[in-house]
Amino acid sequence: MSSTGMGLIAGLLLALAGILGGFSGFVFAV
């Protein structure tokens, strides 16, 4: 796999983790 593909996957994982973290934080706040 190319380094660009690895970077893309890493970026998607970070984005997904950020969304899940923000959502769980929002639910916890409510």
PDB file of N, CA and C in Angstrom:
ATOM      1  N   MET A   1       0.856  -1.210   0.000  1.00  0.00           N
ATOM      2  CA  MET A   1       0.000   0.000   0.000  1.00  0.00           C
ATOM      3  C   MET A   1       0.885   1.251   0.000  1.00  0.00           C
ATOM      4  N   SER A   2       0.466   2.258  -0.728  1.00  0.00           N
ATOM      5  CA  SER A   2       1.262   3.477  -0.816  1.00  0.00           C
ATOM      6  C   SER A   2       1.143   4.310   0.456  1.00  0.00           C
ATOM      7  N   SER A   3       2.099   5.201   0.647  1.00  0.00           N
ATOM      8  CA  SER A   3       2.071   6.055   1.841  1.00  0.00           C
ATOM      9  C   SER A   3       0.857   6.972   1.806  1.00  0.00           C
ATOM     10  N   THR A   4       0.414   7.326   0.592  1.00  0.00           N
ATOM     11  CA  THR A   4      -0.761   8.202   0.461  1.00  0.00           C
ATOM     12  C   THR A   4      -2.000   7.474   0.962  1.00  0.00           C
ATOM     13  N   GLY A   5      -2.096   6.194   0.645  1.00  0.00           N
ATOM     14  CA  GLY A   5      -3.232   5.389   1.105  1.00  0.00           C
ATOM     15  C   GLY A   5      -3.226   5.269   2.622  1.00  0.00           C
ATOM     16  N   MET A   6      -2.031   5.065   3.176  1.00  0.00           N
ATOM     17  CA  MET A   6      -1.914   4.962   4.631  1.00  0.00           C
ATOM     18  C   MET A   6      -2.334   6.271   5.282  1.00  0.00           C
ATOM     19  N   GLY A   7      -1.929   7.375   4.716  1.00  0.00           N
ATOM     20  CA  GLY A   7      -2.281   8.692   5.260  1.00  0.00           C
ATOM     21  C   GLY A   7      -3.780   8.921   5.187  1.00  0.00           C
ATOM     22  N   LEU A   8      -4.383   8.474   4.080  1.00  0.00           N
ATOM     23  CA  LEU A   8      -5.822   8.643   3.907  1.00  0.00           C
ATOM     24  C   LEU A   8      -6.585   7.846   4.949  1.00  0.00           C
ATOM     25  N   ILE A   9      -6.164   6.588   5.153  1.00  0.00           N
ATOM     26  CA  ILE A   9      -6.814   5.723   6.147  1.00  0.00           C
ATOM     27  C   ILE A   9      -6.630   6.306   7.545  1.00  0.00           C
ATOM     28  N   ALA A  10      -5.423   6.784   7.850  1.00  0.00           N
ATOM     29  CA  ALA A  10      -5.151   7.368   9.167  1.00  0.00           C
ATOM     30  C   ALA A  10      -6.033   8.597   9.378  1.00  0.00           C
ATOM     31  N   GLY A  11      -6.190   9.403   8.337  1.00  0.00           N
ATOM     32  CA  GLY A  11      -7.018  10.604   8.431  1.00  0.00           C
ATOM     33  C   GLY A  11      -8.480  10.240   8.680  1.00  0.00           C
ATOM     34  N   LEU A  12      -8.959   9.214   7.992  1.00  0.00           N
ATOM     35  CA  LEU A  12     -10.347   8.777   8.170  1.00  0.00           C
ATOM     36  C   LEU A  12     -10.563   8.249   9.582  1.00  0.00           C
ATOM     37  N   LEU A  13      -9.603   7.484  10.099  1.00  0.00           N
ATOM     38  CA  LEU A  13      -9.721   6.941  11.453  1.00  0.00           C
ATOM     39  C   LEU A  13      -9.736   8.063  12.481  1.00  0.00           C
ATOM     40  N   LEU A  14      -8.878   9.063  12.283  1.00  0.00           N
ATOM     41  CA  LEU A  14      -8.825  10.198  13.208  1.00  0.00           C
ATOM     42  C   LEU A  14     -10.131  10.985  13.156  1.00  0.00           C
ATOM     43  N   ALA A  15     -10.678  11.154  11.948  1.00  0.00           N
ATOM     44  CA  ALA A  15     -11.936  11.883  11.788  1.00  0.00           C
ATOM     45  C   ALA A  15     -13.062  11.109  12.475  1.00  0.00           C
ATOM     46  N   LEU A  16     -13.087   9.789  12.273  1.00  0.00           N
ATOM     47  CA  LEU A  16     -14.121   8.952  12.884  1.00  0.00           C
ATOM     48  C   LEU A  16     -14.015   8.999  14.399  1.00  0.00           C
ATOM     49  N   ALA A  17     -12.790   8.911  14.922  1.00  0.00           N
ATOM     50  CA  ALA A  17     -12.587   8.959  16.371  1.00  0.00           C
ATOM     51  C   ALA A  17     -13.022  10.318  16.921  1.00  0.00           C
ATOM     52  N   GLY A  18     -12.744  11.383  16.186  1.00  0.00           N
ATOM     53  CA  GLY A  18     -13.133  12.729  16.628  1.00  0.00           C
ATOM     54  C   GLY A  18     -14.645  12.879  16.658  1.00  0.00           C
ATOM     55  N   ILE A  19     -15.319  12.338  15.630  1.00  0.00           N
ATOM     56  CA  ILE A  19     -16.784  12.410  15.571  1.00  0.00           C
ATOM     57  C   ILE A  19     -17.399  11.611  16.717  1.00  0.00           C
ATOM     58  N   LEU A  20     -16.897  10.395  16.930  1.00  0.00           N
ATOM     59  CA  LEU A  20     -17.419   9.552  18.008  1.00  0.00           C
ATOM     60  C   LEU A  20     -17.157  10.195  19.364  1.00  0.00           C
ATOM     61  N   GLY A  21     -15.975  10.760  19.547  1.00  0.00           N
ATOM     62  CA  GLY A  21     -15.620  11.414  20.810  1.00  0.00           C
ATOM     63  C   GLY A  21     -16.504  12.630  21.065  1.00  0.00           C
ATOM     64  N   GLY A  22     -16.723  13.429  20.014  1.00  0.00           N
ATOM     65  CA  GLY A  22     -17.561  14.619  20.159  1.00  0.00           C
ATOM     66  C   GLY A  22     -19.002  14.235  20.439  1.00  0.00           C
ATOM     67  N   PHE A  23     -19.488  13.185  19.769  1.00  0.00           N
ATOM     68  CA  PHE A  23     -20.870  12.738  19.955  1.00  0.00           C
ATOM     69  C   PHE A  23     -21.080  12.200  21.369  1.00  0.00           C
ATOM     70  N   SER A  24     -20.150  11.359  21.846  1.00  0.00           N
ATOM     71  CA  SER A  24     -20.270  10.799  23.196  1.00  0.00           C
ATOM     72  C   SER A  24     -20.179  11.917  24.236  1.00  0.00           C
ATOM     73  N   GLY A  25     -19.328  12.915  23.967  1.00  0.00           N
ATOM     74  CA  GLY A  25     -19.196  14.054  24.881  1.00  0.00           C
ATOM     75  C   GLY A  25     -20.483  14.864  24.915  1.00  0.00           C
ATOM     76  N   PHE A  26     -21.124  15.006  23.743  1.00  0.00           N
ATOM     77  CA  PHE A  26     -22.386  15.747  23.657  1.00  0.00           C
ATOM     78  C   PHE A  26     -23.478  15.010  24.436  1.00  0.00           C
ATOM     79  N   VAL A  27     -23.547  13.692  24.244  1.00  0.00           N
ATOM     80  CA  VAL A  27     -24.552  12.886  24.950  1.00  0.00           C
ATOM     81  C   VAL A  27     -24.325  12.948  26.456  1.00  0.00           C
ATOM     82  N   PHE A  28     -23.051  12.865  26.862  1.00  0.00           N
ATOM     83  CA  PHE A  28     -22.720  12.895  28.288  1.00  0.00           C
ATOM     84  C   PHE A  28     -23.086  14.249  28.894  1.00  0.00           C
ATOM     85  N   ALA A  29     -22.895  15.315  28.110  1.00  0.00           N
ATOM     86  CA  ALA A  29     -23.206  16.662  28.596  1.00  0.00           C
ATOM     87  C   ALA A  29     -24.722  16.815  28.790  1.00  0.00           C
ATOM     88  N   VAL A  30     -25.482  16.179  27.907  1.00  0.00           N
ATOM     89  CA  VAL A  30     -26.942  16.274  27.994  1.00  0.00           C
ATOM     90  C   VAL A  30     -27.417  15.336  29.104  1.00  0.00           C
TER      91      VAL A  30
END
